[in-house]
């Protein structure tokens, strides 16, 4: 939650693509009690959807 709060404090135009992808998926990552492996898969999927490199 600290990462999310820190990113939300930055103006959107100041965020990089990875930060924007994270913020888009943050509700799924922070509101569920999914295991770490599933949260990592959700974030990886978001990065792929957003066209970010590996």
Protein backbone atom coordinates (compact mmCIF):
# COMPACT_ATOMS: atom_id res chain seq x y z
CA UNK A 1 0.00 0.00 0.00
CA UNK A 2 2.93 2.34 0.54
CA UNK A 3 3.98 2.02 -3.08
CA UNK A 4 0.47 2.77 -4.26
CA UNK A 5 0.21 5.83 -2.01
CA UNK A 6 3.58 7.10 -3.19
CA UNK A 7 2.65 6.70 -6.86
CA UNK A 8 -0.72 8.35 -6.37
CA UNK A 9 1.08 11.39 -4.94
CA UNK A 10 2.91 11.93 -8.25
CA UNK A 11 1.14 13.83 -11.04
CA UNK A 12 0.06 11.33 -13.75
CA UNK A 13 2.25 12.97 -16.38
CA UNK A 14 5.26 12.31 -14.15
CA UNK A 15 4.71 8.55 -14.01
CA UNK A 16 6.38 6.02 -16.26
CA UNK A 17 4.54 3.24 -18.06
CA UNK A 18 5.30 0.62 -15.40
CA UNK A 19 3.93 2.87 -12.65
CA UNK A 20 0.74 3.48 -14.63
CA UNK A 21 0.33 -0.27 -15.17
CA UNK A 22 0.81 -0.88 -11.47
CA UNK A 23 -1.77 1.73 -10.52
CA UNK A 24 -4.26 0.22 -12.96
CA UNK A 25 -3.94 -3.17 -11.28
CA UNK A 26 -3.37 -1.95 -7.72
CA UNK A 27 -6.98 -2.54 -6.64
CA UNK A 28 -6.67 -6.21 -7.59
CA UNK A 29 -3.32 -6.50 -5.88
CA UNK A 30 -4.24 -4.74 -2.65
CA UNK A 31 -7.85 -5.76 -2.09
CA UNK A 32 -7.45 -9.48 -2.50
CA UNK A 33 -5.74 -11.98 -0.30
CA UNK A 34 -4.31 -13.76 -3.31
CA UNK A 35 -0.95 -15.46 -2.86
CA UNK A 36 2.15 -13.59 -4.00
CA UNK A 37 2.52 -15.78 -7.10
CA UNK A 38 -0.97 -14.87 -8.31
CA UNK A 39 -0.43 -11.17 -7.62
CA UNK A 40 2.80 -11.35 -9.62
CA UNK A 41 0.96 -13.01 -12.49
CA UNK A 42 -1.70 -10.28 -12.46
CA UNK A 43 0.96 -7.59 -12.62
CA UNK A 44 2.82 -9.43 -15.39
CA UNK A 45 -0.41 -9.69 -17.39
CA UNK A 46 -1.00 -5.96 -17.02
CA UNK A 47 2.53 -5.22 -18.24
CA UNK A 48 2.01 -7.47 -21.28
CA UNK A 49 -1.37 -5.84 -22.02
CA UNK A 50 0.29 -2.42 -21.84
CA UNK A 51 3.09 -3.49 -24.20
CA UNK A 52 5.90 -3.14 -21.68
CA UNK A 53 9.14 -5.03 -22.28
CA UNK A 54 10.12 -7.95 -20.06
